[in-house]
Amino acid sequence: MKQDKQKDRDFVNPQELIALEQELAELKQQHGLLGKPRWWVRLGDWLAEKTQEPRRVDRKKYIRLALTCGWFCGAHRFYARQKILGTLYLLLFWTGFSFTMTLIDLMIVVPMKADSQGMIEL
């Protein structure tokens, strides 16, 4: 089987491809050809940095907020001090985004075990 892949002229070894990509990135960096990332990439990186900070919240209160008003205004995200995501839920509630993401949030939080004070880390 290996010999068949090596004989096939269209076969590309993934390890070789990764090594070539890394070599190309190093050459671009050496010659100063690396451009500034696109605005949406920078925005995504900034959002990821802001949302990666773990927050401790009361599990029961978080679940209650998600069930009662999280599906249309993202109240559980505001409670968890994730203002950017809360605002996104609020702005896009009419598209169904908030409802879908709240269901996903609940699927993540419900099985989590709370500590002795009833707190979880998000």
C-alpha atoms as a PDB file:
ATOM      1  CA  MET A   1       0.000   0.000   0.000  1.00  0.00           C
ATOM      2  CA  LYS A   2       2.830   2.428   0.862  1.00  0.00           C
ATOM      3  CA  GLN A   3       4.543   1.680  -2.411  1.00  0.00           C
ATOM      4  CA  ASP A   4       1.327   2.445  -4.312  1.00  0.00           C
ATOM      5  CA  LYS A   5       1.101   5.868  -2.664  1.00  0.00           C
ATOM      6  CA  GLN A   6       4.747   6.611  -3.360  1.00  0.00           C
ATOM      7  CA  LYS A   7       4.363   5.628  -7.021  1.00  0.00           C
ATOM      8  CA  ASP A   8       1.260   7.786  -7.425  1.00  0.00           C
ATOM      9  CA  ARG A   9       2.412  11.124  -8.812  1.00  0.00           C
ATOM     10  CA  ASP A  10      -0.520  12.990  -7.219  1.00  0.00           C
ATOM     11  CA  PHE A  11       0.264  11.780  -3.682  1.00  0.00           C
ATOM     12  CA  VAL A  12       1.508  14.493  -1.326  1.00  0.00           C
ATOM     13  CA  ASN A  13       3.100  13.574   1.983  1.00  0.00           C
ATOM     14  CA  PRO A  14       1.499  15.793   4.665  1.00  0.00           C
ATOM     15  CA  GLN A  15       4.710  16.006   6.723  1.00  0.00           C
ATOM     16  CA  GLU A  16       6.641  17.261   3.715  1.00  0.00           C
ATOM     17  CA  LEU A  17       3.923  19.815   2.984  1.00  0.00           C
ATOM     18  CA  ILE A  18       4.006  21.123   6.560  1.00  0.00           C
ATOM     19  CA  ALA A  19       7.800  21.367   6.465  1.00  0.00           C
ATOM     20  CA  LEU A  20       7.648  23.290   3.187  1.00  0.00           C
ATOM     21  CA  GLU A  21       5.019  25.693   4.591  1.00  0.00           C
ATOM     22  CA  GLN A  22       7.206  26.358   7.629  1.00  0.00           C
ATOM     23  CA  GLU A  23      10.242  26.913   5.428  1.00  0.00           C
ATOM     24  CA  LEU A  24       8.258  29.356   3.275  1.00  0.00           C
ATOM     25  CA  ALA A  25       7.111  31.280   6.368  1.00  0.00           C
ATOM     26  CA  GLU A  26      10.721  31.485   7.619  1.00  0.00           C
ATOM     27  CA  LEU A  27      11.933  32.760   4.232  1.00  0.00           C
ATOM     28  CA  LYS A  28       9.181  35.390   4.125  1.00  0.00           C
ATOM     29  CA  GLN A  29      10.143  36.517   7.616  1.00  0.00           C
ATOM     30  CA  GLN A  30      13.845  36.716   6.719  1.00  0.00           C
ATOM     31  CA  HIS A  31      13.118  38.864   3.670  1.00  0.00           C
ATOM     32  CA  GLY A  32      10.497  41.033   5.356  1.00  0.00           C
ATOM     33  CA  LEU A  33       7.640  39.857   3.184  1.00  0.00           C
ATOM     34  CA  LEU A  34       5.251  39.023   6.007  1.00  0.00           C
ATOM     35  CA  GLY A  35       2.359  41.398   5.701  1.00  0.00           C
ATOM     36  CA  LYS A  36       0.007  42.603   8.367  1.00  0.00           C
ATOM     37  CA  PRO A  37      -2.800  40.084   8.997  1.00  0.00           C
ATOM     38  CA  ARG A  38      -6.210  40.950   7.607  1.00  0.00           C
ATOM     39  CA  TRP A  39      -8.567  42.950   9.819  1.00  0.00           C
ATOM     40  CA  TRP A  40     -10.896  40.012  10.460  1.00  0.00           C
ATOM     41  CA  VAL A  41      -7.991  37.835  11.581  1.00  0.00           C
ATOM     42  CA  ARG A  42      -6.851  40.541  13.996  1.00  0.00           C
ATOM     43  CA  LEU A  43     -10.444  40.960  15.242  1.00  0.00           C
ATOM     44  CA  GLY A  44     -10.768  37.203  15.795  1.00  0.00           C
ATOM     45  CA  ASP A  45      -7.471  37.093  17.679  1.00  0.00           C
ATOM     46  CA  TRP A  46      -8.543  40.026  19.854  1.00  0.00           C
ATOM     47  CA  LEU A  47     -11.904  38.408  20.619  1.00  0.00           C
ATOM     48  CA  ALA A  48     -10.219  35.113  21.447  1.00  0.00           C
ATOM     49  CA  GLU A  49      -7.872  36.846  23.890  1.00  0.00           C
ATOM     50  CA  LYS A  50     -10.764  38.637  25.592  1.00  0.00           C
ATOM     51  CA  THR A  51     -12.915  35.525  25.961  1.00  0.00           C
ATOM     52  CA  GLN A  52     -10.168  33.176  27.131  1.00  0.00           C
ATOM     53  CA  GLU A  53      -9.937  34.598  30.636  1.00  0.00           C
ATOM     54  CA  PRO A  54     -11.598  32.058  32.979  1.00  0.00           C
ATOM     55  CA  ARG A  55     -14.452  33.448  35.076  1.00  0.00           C
ATOM     56  CA  ARG A  56     -15.975  31.969  38.219  1.00  0.00           C
ATOM     57  CA  VAL A  57     -19.768  32.162  38.292  1.00  0.00           C
ATOM     58  CA  ASP A  58     -22.600  30.653  40.311  1.00  0.00           C
ATOM     59  CA  ARG A  59     -23.726  27.591  38.330  1.00  0.00           C
ATOM     60  CA  LYS A  60     -27.421  27.741  39.302  1.00  0.00           C
ATOM     61  CA  LYS A  61     -27.730  31.458  38.563  1.00  0.00           C
ATOM     62  CA  TYR A  62     -25.973  31.030  35.217  1.00  0.00           C
ATOM     63  CA  ILE A  63     -28.332  28.214  34.200  1.00  0.00           C
ATOM     64  CA  ARG A  64     -31.421  30.172  35.334  1.00  0.00           C
ATOM     65  CA  LEU A  65     -30.345  33.220  33.358  1.00  0.00           C
ATOM     66  CA  ALA A  66     -29.628  31.114  30.268  1.00  0.00           C
ATOM     67  CA  LEU A  67     -33.041  29.420  30.445  1.00  0.00           C
ATOM     68  CA  THR A  68     -35.097  32.527  31.141  1.00  0.00           C
ATOM     69  CA  CYS A  69     -33.565  35.288  29.046  1.00  0.00           C
ATOM     70  CA  GLY A  70     -30.320  34.004  27.572  1.00  0.00           C
ATOM     71  CA  TRP A  71     -31.987  32.883  24.358  1.00  0.00           C
ATOM     72  CA  PHE A  72     -32.872  36.439  23.328  1.00  0.00           C
ATOM     73  CA  CYS A  73     -30.496  38.796  25.132  1.00  0.00           C
ATOM     74  CA  GLY A  74     -27.510  36.738  26.305  1.00  0.00           C
ATOM     75  CA  ALA A  75     -28.000  37.688  29.967  1.00  0.00           C
ATOM     76  CA  HIS A  76     -25.974  34.687  31.136  1.00  0.00           C
ATOM     77  CA  ARG A  77     -22.980  35.982  29.147  1.00  0.00           C
ATOM     78  CA  PHE A  78     -23.280  39.442  30.692  1.00  0.00           C
ATOM     79  CA  TYR A  79     -23.484  37.758  34.122  1.00  0.00           C
ATOM     80  CA  ALA A  80     -20.254  35.871  33.345  1.00  0.00           C
ATOM     81  CA  ARG A  81     -18.630  39.244  32.465  1.00  0.00           C
ATOM     82  CA  GLN A  82     -18.307  38.250  28.812  1.00  0.00           C
ATOM     83  CA  LYS A  83     -19.658  41.536  27.479  1.00  0.00           C
ATOM     84  CA  ILE A  84     -18.547  41.032  23.894  1.00  0.00           C
ATOM     85  CA  LEU A  85     -20.390  37.731  23.547  1.00  0.00           C
ATOM     86  CA  GLY A  86     -23.395  39.120  25.419  1.00  0.00           C
ATOM     87  CA  THR A  87     -23.585  42.033  23.009  1.00  0.00           C
ATOM     88  CA  LEU A  88     -23.278  39.665  20.063  1.00  0.00           C
ATOM     89  CA  TYR A  89     -26.189  37.579  21.432  1.00  0.00           C
ATOM     90  CA  LEU A  90     -28.223  40.759  21.922  1.00  0.00           C
ATOM     91  CA  LEU A  91     -27.551  42.146  18.444  1.00  0.00           C
ATOM     92  CA  LEU A  92     -28.242  38.874  16.636  1.00  0.00           C
ATOM     93  CA  PHE A  93     -31.193  37.554  18.670  1.00  0.00           C
ATOM     94  CA  TRP A  94     -33.573  37.880  15.695  1.00  0.00           C
ATOM     95  CA  THR A  95     -31.475  35.451  13.593  1.00  0.00           C
ATOM     96  CA  GLY A  96     -31.692  32.523  16.002  1.00  0.00           C
ATOM     97  CA  PHE A  97     -27.998  32.817  16.821  1.00  0.00           C
ATOM     98  CA  SER A  98     -28.690  33.583  20.488  1.00  0.00           C
ATOM     99  CA  PHE A  99     -31.062  30.650  20.870  1.00  0.00           C
ATOM    100  CA  THR A 100     -28.641  28.206  19.256  1.00  0.00           C
ATOM    101  CA  MET A 101     -25.630  29.429  21.207  1.00  0.00           C
ATOM    102  CA  THR A 102     -27.587  29.412  24.476  1.00  0.00           C
ATOM    103  CA  LEU A 103     -28.475  25.758  23.870  1.00  0.00           C
ATOM    104  CA  ILE A 104     -24.787  25.019  23.307  1.00  0.00           C
ATOM    105  CA  ASP A 105     -23.867  26.985  26.451  1.00  0.00           C
ATOM    106  CA  LEU A 106     -26.368  24.936  28.444  1.00  0.00           C
ATOM    107  CA  MET A 107     -25.013  21.657  27.028  1.00  0.00           C
ATOM    108  CA  ILE A 108     -21.574  22.712  28.248  1.00  0.00           C
ATOM    109  CA  VAL A 109     -22.583  24.029  31.692  1.00  0.00           C
ATOM    110  CA  VAL A 110     -25.242  21.516  32.839  1.00  0.00           C
ATOM    111  CA  PRO A 111     -22.846  18.538  33.152  1.00  0.00           C
ATOM    112  CA  MET A 112     -20.164  20.646  34.897  1.00  0.00           C
ATOM    113  CA  LYS A 113     -19.611  19.902  38.569  1.00  0.00           C
ATOM    114  CA  ALA A 114     -19.751  22.871  40.906  1.00  0.00           C
ATOM    115  CA  ASP A 115     -17.307  23.317  43.766  1.00  0.00           C
ATOM    116  CA  SER A 116     -18.362  23.486  47.426  1.00  0.00           C
ATOM    117  CA  GLN A 117     -19.629  27.066  46.990  1.00  0.00           C
ATOM    118  CA  GLY A 118     -21.666  26.237  43.864  1.00  0.00           C
ATOM    119  CA  MET A 119     -19.245  28.018  41.553  1.00  0.00           C
ATOM    120  CA  ILE A 120     -17.984  26.873  38.133  1.00  0.00           C
ATOM    121  CA  GLU A 121     -15.219  28.217  35.940  1.00  0.00           C
ATOM    122  CA  LEU A 122     -16.090  29.294  32.406  1.00  0.00           C
END
